[in-house]
């Protein structure tokens, strides 16, 4: 028995299956006795077009969503940098205020020691206190210079770890990093 090269009558064995994408009508077409596959080619081509258009719309929507996410991340990073700079300056201000208070306290202490030293008779104890007062005066001079001219500090370039506390749910390494 010899197998024929072509079927002359529909055998329902020939099928066209379209996978992937969002189906609009059907995903499979068969060669049927009352509806041959060649009569269904227009419907198949239309389904391919519809799925292609839907895939393109989805691709464009995904691209717009990624671009929007990128913009939101960049805005969050800019806000985080500003918040970091503000926090850095507040910390520096607190340090300056602490240095000023320390200078004031130390100055009062040195004045009290100096008053006590003047009441002492000349000798070893007074000489040691005067040496200590010279050291304390130098330290006071240094603290007074640093506290005398307060200025707005320029914060250093923040690292990713520096920005994390200011980023909420965002990653400092990119909009799609978690």
Protein backbone atom coordinates (compact mmCIF):
# COMPACT_ATOMS: atom_id res chain seq x y z
CA UNK A 1 0.00 0.00 0.00
CA UNK A 2 1.28 3.34 -0.96
CA UNK A 3 0.62 6.56 1.05
CA UNK A 4 -0.68 9.34 -1.13
CA UNK A 5 1.17 12.54 -1.25
CA UNK A 6 -1.93 14.79 -0.81
CA UNK A 7 -5.31 14.42 0.87
CA UNK A 8 -8.03 15.11 -1.62
CA UNK A 9 -10.72 15.23 1.02
CA UNK A 10 -10.40 17.05 4.36
CA UNK A 11 -9.17 14.61 6.96
CA UNK A 12 -9.35 16.84 10.06
CA UNK A 13 -5.69 16.06 10.62
CA UNK A 14 -4.28 19.40 9.45
CA UNK A 15 -4.45 22.04 12.17
CA UNK A 16 -3.11 25.56 12.52
CA UNK A 17 -2.38 26.56 16.14
CA UNK A 18 -1.48 30.10 17.13
CA UNK A 19 0.11 30.48 20.55
CA UNK A 20 1.15 33.53 22.54
CA UNK A 21 -0.40 36.92 22.94
CA UNK A 22 -3.96 37.63 23.90
CA UNK A 23 -6.44 35.57 21.88
CA UNK A 24 -9.26 37.56 20.27
CA UNK A 25 -11.19 34.84 18.50
CA UNK A 26 -9.65 31.43 18.35
CA UNK A 27 -6.22 29.93 18.76
CA UNK A 28 -6.66 26.82 16.63
CA UNK A 29 -8.08 26.19 13.19
CA UNK A 30 -8.63 22.78 11.60
CA UNK A 31 -9.18 21.52 8.09
CA UNK A 32 -12.83 20.39 8.25
CA UNK A 33 -15.05 18.86 5.58
CA UNK A 34 -17.51 21.78 5.67
CA UNK A 35 -14.86 24.47 6.21
CA UNK A 36 -11.44 23.92 4.61
CA UNK A 37 -8.38 25.58 6.13
CA UNK A 38 -7.73 27.73 3.08
CA UNK A 39 -11.15 29.38 3.65
CA UNK A 40 -10.04 30.27 7.17
CA UNK A 41 -6.77 31.97 6.17
CA UNK A 42 -8.27 35.49 6.34
CA UNK A 43 -9.48 34.83 9.89
CA UNK A 44 -6.04 33.45 10.84
CA UNK A 45 -4.27 36.49 9.35
CA UNK A 46 -6.66 38.83 11.17
CA UNK A 47 -6.00 37.01 14.46
CA UNK A 48 -2.23 37.34 13.91
CA UNK A 49 -2.67 41.09 13.24
CA UNK A 50 -4.89 41.60 16.30
CA UNK A 51 -2.44 39.78 18.56
CA UNK A 52 0.47 41.73 17.08
CA UNK A 53 -1.31 45.06 17.64
CA UNK A 54 -2.17 44.05 21.21
CA UNK A 55 1.45 43.03 21.84
CA UNK A 56 2.68 46.37 20.47
CA UNK A 57 0.21 48.30 22.66
CA UNK A 58 1.40 46.31 25.68
CA UNK A 59 5.04 46.93 24.79
CA UNK A 60 4.42 50.68 24.50
CA UNK A 61 2.44 50.74 27.76
CA UNK A 62 5.24 48.84 29.52
CA UNK A 63 7.80 51.27 28.12
CA UNK A 64 5.74 54.27 29.29
CA UNK A 65 5.38 52.65 32.74
CA UNK A 66 9.16 52.10 32.93
CA UNK A 67 9.80 55.72 31.89
CA UNK A 68 7.30 56.98 34.48
CA UNK A 69 8.89 54.78 37.14
CA UNK A 70 12.30 56.17 36.16
CA UNK A 71 10.99 59.76 36.48
CA UNK A 72 9.46 59.02 39.89
CA UNK A 73 12.71 57.40 41.06
CA UNK A 74 14.77 60.38 39.85
CA UNK A 75 12.39 62.75 41.68
CA UNK A 76 12.67 60.61 44.83
CA UNK A 77 16.48 60.64 44.53
CA UNK A 78 16.49 64.43 44.17
CA UNK A 79 14.26 64.78 47.24
CA UNK A 80 16.45 62.32 49.15
CA UNK A 81 19.58 64.31 48.28
CA UNK A 82 17.89 67.51 49.49
CA UNK A 83 16.73 65.79 52.69
CA UNK A 84 20.23 64.39 53.23
CA UNK A 85 21.78 67.86 52.78
CA UNK A 86 19.26 69.34 55.23
CA UNK A 87 19.92 66.60 57.81
CA UNK A 88 23.68 67.06 57.38
CA UNK A 89 23.37 70.82 57.97
CA UNK A 90 21.13 70.31 61.01
CA UNK A 91 23.69 67.91 62.45
CA UNK A 92 26.47 70.42 61.78
CA UNK A 93 24.41 73.19 63.43
CA UNK A 94 23.91 71.01 66.51
CA UNK A 95 27.64 70.35 66.63
CA UNK A 96 28.35 74.10 66.38
CA UNK A 97 25.88 74.82 69.19
CA UNK A 98 27.47 72.10 71.33
CA UNK A 99 30.93 73.56 70.64
CA UNK A 100 29.67 77.02 71.60
CA UNK A 101 28.21 75.68 74.86
CA UNK A 102 31.40 73.78 75.57
CA UNK A 103 33.45 76.94 74.91
CA UNK A 104 31.24 78.96 77.22
CA UNK A 105 31.45 76.33 80.00
CA UNK A 106 35.19 75.92 79.58
CA UNK A 107 35.68 79.70 79.61
CA UNK A 108 33.77 79.98 82.90
CA UNK A 109 35.85 77.16 84.37
CA UNK A 110 39.16 78.67 83.24
CA UNK A 111 38.14 82.06 84.66
CA UNK A 112 37.36 80.43 88.01
CA UNK A 113 40.73 78.60 88.01
CA UNK A 114 42.54 81.84 87.06
CA UNK A 115 40.84 83.68 89.95
CA UNK A 116 41.91 80.87 92.28
CA UNK A 117 45.50 80.95 90.92
CA UNK A 118 45.86 84.67 91.63
CA UNK A 119 45.02 84.05 95.27
CA UNK A 120 47.83 81.46 95.61
CA UNK A 121 51.29 82.45 96.81
CA UNK A 122 54.15 82.11 94.32
CA UNK A 123 55.48 78.58 94.14
CA UNK A 124 55.25 75.13 92.51
CA UNK A 125 51.45 74.83 92.68
CA UNK A 126 50.89 78.27 91.16
CA UNK A 127 53.45 77.56 88.39
CA UNK A 128 51.69 74.27 87.50
CA UNK A 129 48.29 75.99 87.42
CA UNK A 130 49.65 78.78 85.21
CA UNK A 131 51.05 76.16 82.76
CA UNK A 132 47.67 74.48 82.74
CA UNK A 133 46.00 77.88 82.16
CA UNK A 134 48.27 78.48 79.13
CA UNK A 135 47.17 75.15 77.69
CA UNK A 136 43.49 75.91 78.46
CA UNK A 137 43.76 79.38 76.89
CA UNK A 138 45.15 77.85 73.67
CA UNK A 139 42.27 75.36 73.61
CA UNK A 140 39.76 78.14 74.26
CA UNK A 141 41.27 80.19 71.44
CA UNK A 142 40.87 77.25 69.03
CA UNK A 143 37.25 76.61 70.11
CA UNK A 144 36.42 80.32 69.91
CA UNK A 145 37.73 80.51 66.33
CA UNK A 146 35.67 77.52 65.21
CA UNK A 147 32.51 78.78 66.95
CA UNK A 148 33.00 82.46 66.06
CA UNK A 149 32.39 82.22 62.33
CA UNK A 150 29.53 79.80 61.70
CA UNK A 151 28.88 79.10 58.06
CA UNK A 152 26.59 76.84 56.11
CA UNK A 153 28.49 73.64 55.38
CA UNK A 154 28.47 71.98 52.00
CA UNK A 155 27.43 68.37 52.51
CA UNK A 156 29.64 65.68 50.97
CA UNK A 157 28.37 63.66 48.05
CA UNK A 158 26.05 61.08 49.61
CA UNK A 159 26.53 57.37 49.05
CA UNK A 160 23.63 54.99 48.44
CA UNK A 161 23.64 54.00 52.10
CA UNK A 162 23.46 57.67 53.13
CA UNK A 163 20.32 58.14 51.02
CA UNK A 164 18.46 54.97 52.08
CA UNK A 165 16.75 56.56 55.12
CA UNK A 166 15.28 59.27 52.88
CA UNK A 167 14.04 57.04 50.00
CA UNK A 168 11.03 55.24 51.54
CA UNK A 169 10.49 52.16 49.36
CA UNK A 170 12.95 53.11 46.58
CA UNK A 171 16.42 51.71 46.16
CA UNK A 172 19.34 54.13 45.73
CA UNK A 173 20.67 51.87 42.95
CA UNK A 174 17.83 52.32 40.45
CA UNK A 175 14.07 52.19 40.04
CA UNK A 176 14.00 48.44 39.46
CA UNK A 177 16.41 47.49 42.26
CA UNK A 178 14.99 46.37 45.57
